[in-house]
Structures are given as C-alpha cells and as structure tokens.
PDB file of all heavy atoms in Angstrom:
ATOM      1  N   ILE A   1      -1.656  -8.415  38.531  1.00  0.00           N
ATOM      2  CA  ILE A   1      -2.619  -7.800  37.609  1.00  0.00           C
ATOM      3  C   ILE A   1      -2.627  -6.297  37.875  1.00  0.00           C
ATOM      4  O   ILE A   1      -2.920  -5.853  38.991  1.00  0.00           O
ATOM      5  CB  ILE A   1      -4.018  -8.388  37.826  1.00  0.00           C
ATOM      6  CG1 ILE A   1      -4.000  -9.894  37.579  1.00  0.00           C
ATOM      7  CG2 ILE A   1      -5.034  -7.708  36.917  1.00  0.00           C
ATOM      8  CD1 ILE A   1      -5.256 -10.604  38.033  1.00  0.00           C
ATOM      9  N   LYS A   2      -2.309  -5.528  36.854  1.00  0.00           N
ATOM     10  CA  LYS A   2      -2.269  -4.084  37.021  1.00  0.00           C
ATOM     11  C   LYS A   2      -3.686  -3.525  37.182  1.00  0.00           C
ATOM     12  O   LYS A   2      -4.629  -4.027  36.576  1.00  0.00           O
ATOM     13  CB  LYS A   2      -1.575  -3.431  35.827  1.00  0.00           C
ATOM     14  CG  LYS A   2      -0.095  -3.762  35.733  1.00  0.00           C
ATOM     15  CD  LYS A   2       0.560  -3.028  34.572  1.00  0.00           C
ATOM     16  CE  LYS A   2       2.052  -3.332  34.515  1.00  0.00           C
ATOM     17  NZ  LYS A   2       2.713  -2.615  33.388  1.00  0.00           N
ATOM     18  N   ASN A   3      -3.801  -2.496  38.001  1.00  0.00           N
ATOM     19  CA  ASN A   3      -5.090  -1.837  38.239  1.00  0.00           C
ATOM     20  C   ASN A   3      -6.147  -2.835  38.701  1.00  0.00           C
ATOM     21  O   ASN A   3      -7.308  -2.780  38.272  1.00  0.00           O
ATOM     22  CB  ASN A   3      -5.553  -1.116  36.968  1.00  0.00           C
ATOM     23  CG  ASN A   3      -4.526  -0.129  36.451  1.00  0.00           C
ATOM     24  OD1 ASN A   3      -4.031   0.703  37.198  1.00  0.00           O
ATOM     25  ND2 ASN A   3      -4.194  -0.236  35.167  1.00  0.00           N
ATOM     26  N   LEU A   4      -5.743  -3.725  39.586  1.00  0.00           N
ATOM     27  CA  LEU A   4      -6.589  -4.848  39.990  1.00  0.00           C
ATOM     28  C   LEU A   4      -7.942  -4.398  40.526  1.00  0.00           C
ATOM     29  O   LEU A   4      -8.973  -4.990  40.190  1.00  0.00           O
ATOM     30  CB  LEU A   4      -5.865  -5.704  41.040  1.00  0.00           C
ATOM     31  CG  LEU A   4      -6.656  -6.887  41.609  1.00  0.00           C
ATOM     32  CD1 LEU A   4      -7.096  -7.834  40.499  1.00  0.00           C
ATOM     33  CD2 LEU A   4      -5.828  -7.627  42.654  1.00  0.00           C
ATOM     34  N   GLU A   5      -7.975  -3.361  41.362  1.00  0.00           N
ATOM     35  CA  GLU A   5      -9.240  -2.961  41.963  1.00  0.00           C
ATOM     36  C   GLU A   5     -10.234  -2.482  40.913  1.00  0.00           C
ATOM     37  O   GLU A   5     -11.447  -2.730  41.019  1.00  0.00           O
ATOM     38  CB  GLU A   5      -9.023  -1.895  43.045  1.00  0.00           C
ATOM     39  CG  GLU A   5      -8.812  -0.477  42.550  1.00  0.00           C
ATOM     40  CD  GLU A   5      -7.425  -0.207  41.969  1.00  0.00           C
ATOM     41  OE1 GLU A   5      -6.611  -1.141  41.858  1.00  0.00           O
ATOM     42  OE2 GLU A   5      -7.166   0.960  41.621  1.00  0.00           O
ATOM     43  N   LEU A   6      -9.730  -1.840  39.859  1.00  0.00           N
ATOM     44  CA  LEU A   6     -10.617  -1.387  38.785  1.00  0.00           C
ATOM     45  C   LEU A   6     -11.066  -2.556  37.913  1.00  0.00           C
ATOM     46  O   LEU A   6     -12.220  -2.603  37.471  1.00  0.00           O
ATOM     47  CB  LEU A   6      -9.915  -0.327  37.931  1.00  0.00           C
ATOM     48  CG  LEU A   6      -9.657   1.021  38.613  1.00  0.00           C
ATOM     49  CD1 LEU A   6      -8.854   1.935  37.701  1.00  0.00           C
ATOM     50  CD2 LEU A   6     -10.968   1.686  39.008  1.00  0.00           C
ATOM     51  N   VAL A   7     -10.166  -3.481  37.657  1.00  0.00           N
ATOM     52  CA  VAL A   7     -10.532  -4.683  36.895  1.00  0.00           C
ATOM     53  C   VAL A   7     -11.614  -5.456  37.634  1.00  0.00           C
ATOM     54  O   VAL A   7     -12.615  -5.893  37.035  1.00  0.00           O
ATOM     55  CB  VAL A   7      -9.297  -5.575  36.662  1.00  0.00           C
ATOM     56  CG1 VAL A   7      -9.709  -6.923  36.067  1.00  0.00           C
ATOM     57  CG2 VAL A   7      -8.297  -4.885  35.739  1.00  0.00           C
ATOM     58  N   GLN A   8     -11.444  -5.630  38.937  1.00  0.00           N
ATOM     59  CA  GLN A   8     -12.437  -6.370  39.733  1.00  0.00           C
ATOM     60  C   GLN A   8     -13.787  -5.667  39.734  1.00  0.00           C
ATOM     61  O   GLN A   8     -14.834  -6.319  39.599  1.00  0.00           O
ATOM     62  CB  GLN A   8     -11.924  -6.545  41.167  1.00  0.00           C
ATOM     63  CG  GLN A   8     -10.760  -7.517  41.285  1.00  0.00           C
ATOM     64  CD  GLN A   8     -10.190  -7.549  42.690  1.00  0.00           C
ATOM     65  OE1 GLN A   8     -10.086  -6.522  43.358  1.00  0.00           O
ATOM     66  NE2 GLN A   8      -9.831  -8.736  43.152  1.00  0.00           N
ATOM     67  N   GLU A   9     -13.787  -4.354  39.874  1.00  0.00           N
ATOM     68  CA  GLU A   9     -15.041  -3.609  39.896  1.00  0.00           C
ATOM     69  C   GLU A   9     -15.732  -3.688  38.532  1.00  0.00           C
ATOM     70  O   GLU A   9     -16.950  -3.908  38.454  1.00  0.00           O
ATOM     71  CB  GLU A   9     -14.780  -2.151  40.266  1.00  0.00           C
ATOM     72  CG  GLU A   9     -15.993  -1.242  40.225  1.00  0.00           C
ATOM     73  CD  GLU A   9     -17.079  -1.594  41.230  1.00  0.00           C
ATOM     74  OE1 GLU A   9     -16.847  -2.487  42.081  1.00  0.00           O
ATOM     75  OE2 GLU A   9     -18.161  -0.988  41.175  1.00  0.00           O
ATOM     76  N   ALA A  10     -14.973  -3.505  37.459  1.00  0.00           N
ATOM     77  CA  ALA A  10     -15.569  -3.578  36.128  1.00  0.00           C
ATOM     78  C   ALA A  10     -16.125  -4.969  35.848  1.00  0.00           C
ATOM     79  O   ALA A  10     -17.230  -5.111  35.309  1.00  0.00           O
ATOM     80  CB  ALA A  10     -14.529  -3.203  35.068  1.00  0.00           C
ATOM     81  N   TYR A  11     -15.400  -5.996  36.236  1.00  0.00           N
ATOM     82  CA  TYR A  11     -15.864  -7.359  35.970  1.00  0.00           C
ATOM     83  C   TYR A  11     -17.093  -7.697  36.816  1.00  0.00           C
ATOM     84  O   TYR A  11     -17.995  -8.398  36.354  1.00  0.00           O
ATOM     85  CB  TYR A  11     -14.744  -8.351  36.246  1.00  0.00           C
ATOM     86  CG  TYR A  11     -15.070  -9.758  35.780  1.00  0.00           C
ATOM     87  CD1 TYR A  11     -15.427 -10.009  34.459  1.00  0.00           C
ATOM     88  CD2 TYR A  11     -15.046 -10.837  36.666  1.00  0.00           C
ATOM     89  CE1 TYR A  11     -15.737 -11.292  34.020  1.00  0.00           C
ATOM     90  CE2 TYR A  11     -15.350 -12.119  36.240  1.00  0.00           C
ATOM     91  CZ  TYR A  11     -15.694 -12.336  34.923  1.00  0.00           C
ATOM     92  OH  TYR A  11     -16.011 -13.595  34.499  1.00  0.00           O
ATOM     93  N   ARG A  12     -17.139  -7.175  38.033  1.00  0.00           N
ATOM     94  CA  ARG A  12     -18.334  -7.387  38.861  1.00  0.00           C
ATOM     95  C   ARG A  12     -19.563  -6.782  38.186  1.00  0.00           C
ATOM     96  O   ARG A  12     -20.631  -7.410  38.132  1.00  0.00           O
ATOM     97  CB  ARG A  12     -18.129  -6.746  40.236  1.00  0.00           C
ATOM     98  CG  ARG A  12     -19.332  -6.904  41.176  1.00  0.00           C
ATOM     99  CD  ARG A  12     -19.142  -6.121  42.462  1.00  0.00           C
ATOM    100  NE  ARG A  12     -19.151  -4.686  42.242  1.00  0.00           N
ATOM    101  CZ  ARG A  12     -20.263  -3.962  42.094  1.00  0.00           C
ATOM    102  NH1 ARG A  12     -21.465  -4.554  42.145  1.00  0.00           N
ATOM    103  NH2 ARG A  12     -20.198  -2.655  41.903  1.00  0.00           N
ATOM    104  N   LEU A  13     -19.405  -5.590  37.654  1.00  0.00           N
ATOM    105  CA  LEU A  13     -20.514  -4.932  36.977  1.00  0.00           C
ATOM    106  C   LEU A  13     -20.909  -5.672  35.709  1.00  0.00           C
ATOM    107  O   LEU A  13     -22.095  -5.761  35.367  1.00  0.00           O
ATOM    108  CB  LEU A  13     -20.133  -3.482  36.648  1.00  0.00           C
ATOM    109  CG  LEU A  13     -19.953  -2.557  37.854  1.00  0.00           C
ATOM    110  CD1 LEU A  13     -19.319  -1.231  37.430  1.00  0.00           C
ATOM    111  CD2 LEU A  13     -21.277  -2.309  38.545  1.00  0.00           C
ATOM    112  N   VAL A  14     -19.927  -6.219  35.006  1.00  0.00           N
ATOM    113  CA  VAL A  14     -20.219  -7.006  33.797  1.00  0.00           C
ATOM    114  C   VAL A  14     -21.046  -8.232  34.149  1.00  0.00           C
ATOM    115  O   VAL A  14     -22.039  -8.552  33.476  1.00  0.00           O
ATOM    116  CB  VAL A  14     -18.914  -7.412  33.084  1.00  0.00           C
ATOM    117  CG1 VAL A  14     -19.193  -8.479  32.019  1.00  0.00           C
ATOM    118  CG2 VAL A  14     -18.247  -6.208  32.441  1.00  0.00           C
ATOM    119  N   LYS A  15     -20.665  -8.938  35.193  1.00  0.00           N
ATOM    120  CA  LYS A  15     -21.385 -10.161  35.572  1.00  0.00           C
ATOM    121  C   LYS A  15     -22.814  -9.854  36.010  1.00  0.00           C
ATOM    122  O   LYS A  15     -23.708 -10.679  35.827  1.00  0.00           O
ATOM    123  CB  LYS A  15     -20.631 -10.887  36.690  1.00  0.00           C
ATOM    124  CG  LYS A  15     -19.331 -11.516  36.231  1.00  0.00           C
ATOM    125  CD  LYS A  15     -18.764 -12.460  37.276  1.00  0.00           C
ATOM    126  CE  LYS A  15     -18.441 -11.731  38.558  1.00  0.00           C
ATOM    127  NZ  LYS A  15     -17.884 -12.654  39.590  1.00  0.00           N
ATOM    128  N   GLU A  16     -23.026  -8.676  36.569  1.00  0.00           N
ATOM    129  CA  GLU A  16     -24.371  -8.281  36.988  1.00  0.00           C
ATOM    130  C   GLU A  16     -25.243  -7.869  35.803  1.00  0.00           C
ATOM    131  O   GLU A  16     -26.457  -7.715  35.960  1.00  0.00           O
ATOM    132  CB  GLU A  16     -24.290  -7.117  37.977  1.00  0.00           C
ATOM    133  CG  GLU A  16     -23.697  -7.499  39.329  1.00  0.00           C
ATOM    134  CD  GLU A  16     -23.546  -6.298  40.237  1.00  0.00           C
ATOM    135  OE1 GLU A  16     -23.771  -5.153  39.749  1.00  0.00           O
ATOM    136  OE2 GLU A  16     -23.196  -6.460  41.422  1.00  0.00           O
ATOM    137  N   ARG A  17     -24.630  -7.717  34.639  1.00  0.00           N
ATOM    138  CA  ARG A  17     -25.329  -7.269  33.435  1.00  0.00           C
ATOM    139  C   ARG A  17     -25.073  -8.255  32.305  1.00  0.00           C
ATOM    140  O   ARG A  17     -24.340  -7.964  31.350  1.00  0.00           O
ATOM    141  CB  ARG A  17     -24.846  -5.853  33.059  1.00  0.00           C
ATOM    142  CG  ARG A  17     -25.245  -4.807  34.083  1.00  0.00           C
ATOM    143  CD  ARG A  17     -24.333  -3.593  34.070  1.00  0.00           C
ATOM    144  NE  ARG A  17     -24.810  -2.565  34.995  1.00  0.00           N
ATOM    145  CZ  ARG A  17     -24.637  -2.610  36.303  1.00  0.00           C
ATOM    146  NH1 ARG A  17     -23.994  -3.629  36.862  1.00  0.00           N
ATOM    147  NH2 ARG A  17     -25.112  -1.651  37.080  1.00  0.00           N
ATOM    148  N   PRO A  18     -25.670  -9.438  32.372  1.00  0.00           N
ATOM    149  CA  PRO A  18     -25.343 -10.513  31.430  1.00  0.00           C
ATOM    150  C   PRO A  18     -25.727 -10.229  29.983  1.00  0.00           C
ATOM    151  O   PRO A  18     -25.244 -10.909  29.068  1.00  0.00           O
ATOM    152  CB  PRO A  18     -26.132 -11.710  31.980  1.00  0.00           C
ATOM    153  CG  PRO A  18     -27.245 -11.103  32.778  1.00  0.00           C
ATOM    154  CD  PRO A  18     -26.676  -9.856  33.372  1.00  0.00           C
ATOM    155  N   ARG A  19     -26.560  -9.220  29.741  1.00  0.00           N
ATOM    156  CA  ARG A  19     -26.987  -8.931  28.369  1.00  0.00           C
ATOM    157  C   ARG A  19     -26.161  -7.814  27.728  1.00  0.00           C
ATOM    158  O   ARG A  19     -26.410  -7.410  26.594  1.00  0.00           O
ATOM    159  CB  ARG A  19     -28.471  -8.558  28.354  1.00  0.00           C
ATOM    160  CG  ARG A  19     -29.363  -9.638  28.960  1.00  0.00           C
ATOM    161  CD  ARG A  19     -30.828  -9.269  28.899  1.00  0.00           C
ATOM    162  NE  ARG A  19     -31.350  -9.308  27.533  1.00  0.00           N
ATOM    163  CZ  ARG A  19     -32.564  -8.899  27.189  1.00  0.00           C
ATOM    164  NH1 ARG A  19     -33.381  -8.392  28.111  1.00  0.00           N
ATOM    165  NH2 ARG A  19     -32.971  -8.963  25.940  1.00  0.00           N
ATOM    166  N   VAL A  20     -25.162  -7.336  28.446  1.00  0.00           N
ATOM    167  CA  VAL A  20     -24.273  -6.308  27.913  1.00  0.00           C
ATOM    168  C   VAL A  20     -23.185  -6.950  27.050  1.00  0.00           C
ATOM    169  O   VAL A  20     -22.642  -7.995  27.399  1.00  0.00           O
ATOM    170  CB  VAL A  20     -23.625  -5.501  29.056  1.00  0.00           C
ATOM    171  CG1 VAL A  20     -22.389  -4.757  28.578  1.00  0.00           C
ATOM    172  CG2 VAL A  20     -24.618  -4.502  29.626  1.00  0.00           C
ATOM    173  N   GLN A  21     -22.886  -6.330  25.926  1.00  0.00           N
ATOM    174  CA  GLN A  21     -21.754  -6.722  25.100  1.00  0.00           C
ATOM    175  C   GLN A  21     -20.709  -5.610  25.150  1.00  0.00           C
ATOM    176  O   GLN A  21     -21.058  -4.426  25.093  1.00  0.00           O
ATOM    177  CB  GLN A  21     -22.172  -6.933  23.648  1.00  0.00           C
ATOM    178  CG  GLN A  21     -23.162  -8.049  23.416  1.00  0.00           C
ATOM    179  CD  GLN A  21     -23.471  -8.185  21.936  1.00  0.00           C
ATOM    180  OE1 GLN A  21     -22.599  -8.477  21.120  1.00  0.00           O
ATOM    181  NE2 GLN A  21     -24.726  -7.960  21.580  1.00  0.00           N
ATOM    182  N   ILE A  22     -19.451  -5.993  25.265  1.00  0.00           N
ATOM    183  CA  ILE A  22     -18.362  -5.018  25.260  1.00  0.00           C
ATOM    184  C   ILE A  22     -17.586  -5.196  23.965  1.00  0.00           C
ATOM    185  O   ILE A  22     -17.049  -6.276  23.702  1.00  0.00           O
ATOM    186  CB  ILE A  22     -17.459  -5.189  26.483  1.00  0.00           C
ATOM    187  CG1 ILE A  22     -18.269  -4.934  27.755  1.00  0.00           C
ATOM    188  CG2 ILE A  22     -16.263  -4.245  26.408  1.00  0.00           C
ATOM    189  CD1 ILE A  22     -17.514  -5.177  29.030  1.00  0.00           C
ATOM    190  N   LYS A  23     -17.555  -4.155  23.161  1.00  0.00           N
ATOM    191  CA  LYS A  23     -16.933  -4.248  21.841  1.00  0.00           C
ATOM    192  C   LYS A  23     -15.902  -3.145  21.645  1.00  0.00           C
ATOM    193  O   LYS A  23     -16.030  -2.048  22.177  1.00  0.00           O
ATOM    194  CB  LYS A  23     -17.996  -4.138  20.743  1.00  0.00           C
ATOM    195  CG  LYS A  23     -18.971  -5.309  20.701  1.00  0.00           C
ATOM    196  CD  LYS A  23     -19.907  -5.198  19.505  1.00  0.00           C
ATOM    197  CE  LYS A  23     -20.843  -6.396  19.402  1.00  0.00           C
ATOM    198  NZ  LYS A  23     -21.733  -6.292  18.218  1.00  0.00           N
ATOM    199  N   TRP A  24     -14.898  -3.478  20.843  1.00  0.00           N
ATOM    200  CA  TRP A  24     -13.860  -2.513  20.491  1.00  0.00           C
ATOM    201  C   TRP A  24     -14.323  -1.657  19.331  1.00  0.00           C
ATOM    202  O   TRP A  24     -14.994  -2.134  18.413  1.00  0.00           O
ATOM    203  CB  TRP A  24     -12.581  -3.249  20.114  1.00  0.00           C
ATOM    204  CG  TRP A  24     -11.466  -2.328  19.700  1.00  0.00           C
ATOM    205  CD1 TRP A  24     -10.680  -1.575  20.516  1.00  0.00           C
ATOM    206  CD2 TRP A  24     -11.024  -2.073  18.369  1.00  0.00           C
ATOM    207  NE1 TRP A  24      -9.762  -0.858  19.776  1.00  0.00           N
ATOM    208  CE2 TRP A  24      -9.948  -1.155  18.452  1.00  0.00           C
ATOM    209  CE3 TRP A  24     -11.423  -2.539  17.113  1.00  0.00           C
ATOM    210  CZ2 TRP A  24      -9.279  -0.688  17.336  1.00  0.00           C
ATOM    211  CZ3 TRP A  24     -10.748  -2.073  15.993  1.00  0.00           C
ATOM    212  CH2 TRP A  24      -9.695  -1.160  16.099  1.00  0.00           C
ATOM    213  N   ILE A  25     -13.977  -0.377  19.387  1.00  0.00           N
ATOM    214  CA  ILE A  25     -14.271   0.554  18.299  1.00  0.00           C
ATOM    215  C   ILE A  25     -12.982   1.317  18.006  1.00  0.00           C
ATOM    216  O   ILE A  25     -12.246   1.674  18.928  1.00  0.00           O
ATOM    217  CB  ILE A  25     -15.425   1.507  18.696  1.00  0.00           C
ATOM    218  CG1 ILE A  25     -15.978   2.243  17.486  1.00  0.00           C
ATOM    219  CG2 ILE A  25     -15.005   2.470  19.785  1.00  0.00           C
ATOM    220  CD1 ILE A  25     -17.281   2.996  17.772  1.00  0.00           C
ATOM    221  N   PRO A  26     -12.626   1.530  16.746  1.00  0.00           N
ATOM    222  CA  PRO A  26     -11.360   2.205  16.443  1.00  0.00           C
ATOM    223  C   PRO A  26     -11.330   3.624  16.995  1.00  0.00           C
ATOM    224  O   PRO A  26     -12.317   4.354  16.903  1.00  0.00           O
ATOM    225  CB  PRO A  26     -11.309   2.212  14.909  1.00  0.00           C
ATOM    226  CG  PRO A  26     -12.267   1.154  14.474  1.00  0.00           C
ATOM    227  CD  PRO A  26     -13.338   1.115  15.515  1.00  0.00           C
ATOM    228  N   ALA A  27     -10.203   4.019  17.554  1.00  0.00           N
ATOM    229  CA  ALA A  27     -10.047   5.384  18.056  1.00  0.00           C
ATOM    230  C   ALA A  27      -9.981   6.364  16.896  1.00  0.00           C
ATOM    231  O   ALA A  27      -9.380   6.090  15.864  1.00  0.00           O
ATOM    232  CB  ALA A  27      -8.776   5.492  18.901  1.00  0.00           C
ATOM    233  N   HIS A  28     -10.620   7.501  17.060  1.00  0.00           N
ATOM    234  CA  HIS A  28     -10.574   8.589  16.086  1.00  0.00           C
ATOM    235  C   HIS A  28     -10.885   8.112  14.668  1.00  0.00           C
ATOM    236  O   HIS A  28     -10.189   8.433  13.714  1.00  0.00           O
ATOM    237  CB  HIS A  28      -9.220   9.291  16.138  1.00  0.00           C
ATOM    238  CG  HIS A  28      -8.944   9.900  17.471  1.00  0.00           C
ATOM    239  ND1 HIS A  28      -9.786  10.831  18.053  1.00  0.00           N
ATOM    240  CD2 HIS A  28      -7.949   9.692  18.366  1.00  0.00           C
ATOM    241  CE1 HIS A  28      -9.299  11.187  19.232  1.00  0.00           C
ATOM    242  NE2 HIS A  28      -8.204  10.504  19.443  1.00  0.00           N
ATOM    243  N   SER A  29     -11.946   7.331  14.566  1.00  0.00           N
ATOM    244  CA  SER A  29     -12.394   6.854  13.260  1.00  0.00           C
ATOM    245  C   SER A  29     -13.494   7.735  12.699  1.00  0.00           C
ATOM    246  O   SER A  29     -14.041   7.460  11.636  1.00  0.00           O
ATOM    247  CB  SER A  29     -12.906   5.414  13.384  1.00  0.00           C
ATOM    248  OG  SER A  29     -13.919   5.345  14.362  1.00  0.00           O
ATOM    249  N   GLY A  30     -13.828   8.799  13.412  1.00  0.00           N
ATOM    250  CA  GLY A  30     -14.878   9.696  12.966  1.00  0.00           C
ATOM    251  C   GLY A  30     -16.253   9.305  13.446  1.00  0.00           C
ATOM    252  O   GLY A  30     -17.250   9.900  13.025  1.00  0.00           O
ATOM    253  N   TYR A  31     -16.343   8.316  14.348  1.00  0.00           N
ATOM    254  CA  TYR A  31     -17.637   7.926  14.897  1.00  0.00           C
ATOM    255  C   TYR A  31     -18.042   8.940  15.969  1.00  0.00           C
ATOM    256  O   TYR A  31     -17.301   9.184  16.922  1.00  0.00           O
ATOM    257  CB  TYR A  31     -17.573   6.521  15.493  1.00  0.00           C
ATOM    258  CG  TYR A  31     -17.368   5.442  14.457  1.00  0.00           C
ATOM    259  CD1 TYR A  31     -16.783   4.226  14.808  1.00  0.00           C
ATOM    260  CD2 TYR A  31     -17.750   5.621  13.134  1.00  0.00           C
ATOM    261  CE1 TYR A  31     -16.602   3.217  13.875  1.00  0.00           C
ATOM    262  CE2 TYR A  31     -17.571   4.626  12.196  1.00  0.00           C
ATOM    263  CZ  TYR A  31     -16.997   3.434  12.568  1.00  0.00           C
ATOM    264  OH  TYR A  31     -16.818   2.447  11.636  1.00  0.00           O
ATOM    265  N   ARG A  32     -19.226   9.478  15.817  1.00  0.00           N
ATOM    266  CA  ARG A  32     -19.649  10.626  16.619  1.00  0.00           C
ATOM    267  C   ARG A  32     -19.524  10.391  18.116  1.00  0.00           C
ATOM    268  O   ARG A  32     -18.933  11.209  18.845  1.00  0.00           O
ATOM    269  CB  ARG A  32     -21.096  10.974  16.276  1.00  0.00           C
ATOM    270  CG  ARG A  32     -21.600  12.203  17.004  1.00  0.00           C
ATOM    271  CD  ARG A  32     -23.032  12.528  16.652  1.00  0.00           C
ATOM    272  NE  ARG A  32     -23.194  13.956  16.441  1.00  0.00           N
ATOM    273  CZ  ARG A  32     -24.371  14.555  16.284  1.00  0.00           C
ATOM    274  NH1 ARG A  32     -25.481  13.838  16.308  1.00  0.00           N
ATOM    275  NH2 ARG A  32     -24.439  15.856  16.100  1.00  0.00           N
ATOM    276  N   TRP A  33     -20.050   9.297  18.611  1.00  0.00           N
ATOM    277  CA  TRP A  33     -20.130   9.147  20.064  1.00  0.00           C
ATOM    278  C   TRP A  33     -18.838   8.642  20.670  1.00  0.00           C
ATOM    279  O   TRP A  33     -18.573   8.859  21.849  1.00  0.00           O
ATOM    280  CB  TRP A  33     -21.335   8.283  20.428  1.00  0.00           C
ATOM    281  CG  TRP A  33     -22.590   8.959  19.976  1.00  0.00           C
ATOM    282  CD1 TRP A  33     -23.429   8.582  18.969  1.00  0.00           C
ATOM    283  CD2 TRP A  33     -23.124  10.193  20.483  1.00  0.00           C
ATOM    284  NE1 TRP A  33     -24.445   9.485  18.813  1.00  0.00           N
ATOM    285  CE2 TRP A  33     -24.280  10.490  19.738  1.00  0.00           C
ATOM    286  CE3 TRP A  33     -22.736  11.072  21.489  1.00  0.00           C
ATOM    287  CZ2 TRP A  33     -25.050  11.623  19.972  1.00  0.00           C
ATOM    288  CZ3 TRP A  33     -23.503  12.203  21.725  1.00  0.00           C
ATOM    289  CH2 TRP A  33     -24.646  12.464  20.972  1.00  0.00           C
ATOM    290  N   ASN A  34     -17.983   8.016  19.869  1.00  0.00           N
ATOM    291  CA  ASN A  34     -16.634   7.711  20.338  1.00  0.00           C
ATOM    292  C   ASN A  34     -15.840   9.001  20.480  1.00  0.00           C
ATOM    293  O   ASN A  34     -15.093   9.197  21.457  1.00  0.00           O
ATOM    294  CB  ASN A  34     -15.949   6.750  19.384  1.00  0.00           C
ATOM    295  CG  ASN A  34     -14.502   6.486  19.760  1.00  0.00           C
ATOM    296  OD1 ASN A  34     -13.594   6.895  19.050  1.00  0.00           O
ATOM    297  ND2 ASN A  34     -14.275   5.809  20.873  1.00  0.00           N
ATOM    298  N   GLU A  35     -16.001   9.903  19.516  1.00  0.00           N
ATOM    299  CA  GLU A  35     -15.341  11.210  19.603  1.00  0.00           C
ATOM    300  C   GLU A  35     -15.889  12.010  20.784  1.00  0.00           C
ATOM    301  O   GLU A  35     -15.156  12.746  21.447  1.00  0.00           O
ATOM    302  CB  GLU A  35     -15.546  11.985  18.302  1.00  0.00           C
ATOM    303  CG  GLU A  35     -14.998  11.313  17.052  1.00  0.00           C
ATOM    304  CD  GLU A  35     -13.482  11.322  16.975  1.00  0.00           C
ATOM    305  OE1 GLU A  35     -12.846  11.987  17.817  1.00  0.00           O
ATOM    306  OE2 GLU A  35     -12.941  10.668  16.073  1.00  0.00           O
ATOM    307  N   TYR A  36     -17.174  11.869  21.052  1.00  0.00           N
ATOM    308  CA  TYR A  36     -17.792  12.571  22.178  1.00  0.00           C
ATOM    309  C   TYR A  36     -17.207  12.076  23.501  1.00  0.00           C
ATOM    310  O   TYR A  36     -16.890  12.876  24.392  1.00  0.00           O
ATOM    311  CB  TYR A  36     -19.301  12.360  22.148  1.00  0.00           C
ATOM    312  CG  TYR A  36     -20.086  13.265  23.065  1.00  0.00           C
ATOM    313  CD1 TYR A  36     -20.608  14.470  22.591  1.00  0.00           C
ATOM    314  CD2 TYR A  36     -20.338  12.917  24.391  1.00  0.00           C
ATOM    315  CE1 TYR A  36     -21.346  15.314  23.434  1.00  0.00           C
ATOM    316  CE2 TYR A  36     -21.067  13.750  25.227  1.00  0.00           C
ATOM    317  CZ  TYR A  36     -21.570  14.941  24.743  1.00  0.00           C
ATOM    318  OH  TYR A  36     -22.295  15.765  25.574  1.00  0.00           O
ATOM    319  N   ALA A  37     -17.067  10.757  23.633  1.00  0.00           N
ATOM    320  CA  ALA A  37     -16.455  10.207  24.845  1.00  0.00           C
ATOM    321  C   ALA A  37     -15.027  10.696  25.001  1.00  0.00           C
ATOM    322  O   ALA A  37     -14.568  10.983  26.115  1.00  0.00           O
ATOM    323  CB  ALA A  37     -16.510   8.685  24.815  1.00  0.00           C
ATOM    324  N   ASP A  38     -14.307  10.797  23.875  1.00  0.00           N
ATOM    325  CA  ASP A  38     -12.945  11.318  23.919  1.00  0.00           C
ATOM    326  C   ASP A  38     -12.946  12.770  24.407  1.00  0.00           C
ATOM    327  O   ASP A  38     -12.088  13.177  25.204  1.00  0.00           O
ATOM    328  CB  ASP A  38     -12.310  11.232  22.534  1.00  0.00           C
ATOM    329  CG  ASP A  38     -10.924  11.844  22.491  1.00  0.00           C
ATOM    330  OD1 ASP A  38      -9.962  11.182  22.912  1.00  0.00           O
ATOM    331  OD2 ASP A  38     -10.793  13.006  22.051  1.00  0.00           O
ATOM    332  N   ALA A  39     -13.914  13.564  23.939  1.00  0.00           N
ATOM    333  CA  ALA A  39     -13.992  14.957  24.372  1.00  0.00           C
ATOM    334  C   ALA A  39     -14.282  15.059  25.864  1.00  0.00           C
ATOM    335  O   ALA A  39     -13.781  15.959  26.544  1.00  0.00           O
ATOM    336  CB  ALA A  39     -15.061  15.699  23.568  1.00  0.00           C
ATOM    337  N   LEU A  40     -15.098  14.146  26.390  1.00  0.00           N
ATOM    338  CA  LEU A  40     -15.327  14.112  27.834  1.00  0.00           C
ATOM    339  C   LEU A  40     -14.038  13.764  28.573  1.00  0.00           C
ATOM    340  O   LEU A  40     -13.712  14.370  29.603  1.00  0.00           O
ATOM    341  CB  LEU A  40     -16.405  13.083  28.167  1.00  0.00           C
ATOM    342  CG  LEU A  40     -17.842  13.408  27.762  1.00  0.00           C
ATOM    343  CD1 LEU A  40     -18.727  12.173  27.953  1.00  0.00           C
ATOM    344  CD2 LEU A  40     -18.394  14.576  28.575  1.00  0.00           C
ATOM    345  N   ALA A  41     -13.304  12.778  28.040  1.00  0.00           N
ATOM    346  CA  ALA A  41     -12.089  12.309  28.710  1.00  0.00           C
ATOM    347  C   ALA A  41     -10.987  13.359  28.697  1.00  0.00           C
ATOM    348  O   ALA A  41     -10.173  13.418  29.622  1.00  0.00           O
ATOM    349  CB  ALA A  41     -11.591  11.024  28.046  1.00  0.00           C
ATOM    350  N   THR A  42     -10.934  14.166  27.655  1.00  0.00           N
ATOM    351  CA  THR A  42      -9.857  15.159  27.544  1.00  0.00           C
ATOM    352  C   THR A  42     -10.277  16.544  28.022  1.00  0.00           C
ATOM    353  O   THR A  42      -9.529  17.506  27.857  1.00  0.00           O
ATOM    354  CB  THR A  42      -9.378  15.266  26.079  1.00  0.00           C
ATOM    355  OG1 THR A  42     -10.495  15.605  25.228  1.00  0.00           O
ATOM    356  CG2 THR A  42      -8.782  13.941  25.614  1.00  0.00           C
ATOM    357  N   ALA A  43     -11.451  16.646  28.634  1.00  0.00           N
ATOM    358  CA  ALA A  43     -11.923  17.952  29.112  1.00  0.00           C
ATOM    359  C   ALA A  43     -10.948  18.571  30.108  1.00  0.00           C
ATOM    360  O   ALA A  43     -10.842  19.801  30.199  1.00  0.00           O
ATOM    361  CB  ALA A  43     -13.301  17.819  29.742  1.00  0.00           C
TER     362      ALA A  43
END
C-alpha cells in the first residue's frame, strides 16, 4: 500500500469521527473553497 503511514493516520482519524462524510468534488470547477484549498496547496 503506497503512502501507508498517511493512509493509516487518515483512516484512524476517520474512525474517530463517525459523523464525517468524505466526498469527491471536481477539481477547478469554480467552487470557491475548493479553489481556496488549491491556492493553499500551491502557495
């Protein structure tokens, strides 16, 4: 499993937060906060 330590950490956090939903959103679809996250990532 690639990036195993990150997968394990993310999944641990997911299990601790049973009311969280993880959903896909199209990249560069013009959604404000997806674009904002992209701007943080490319800073």
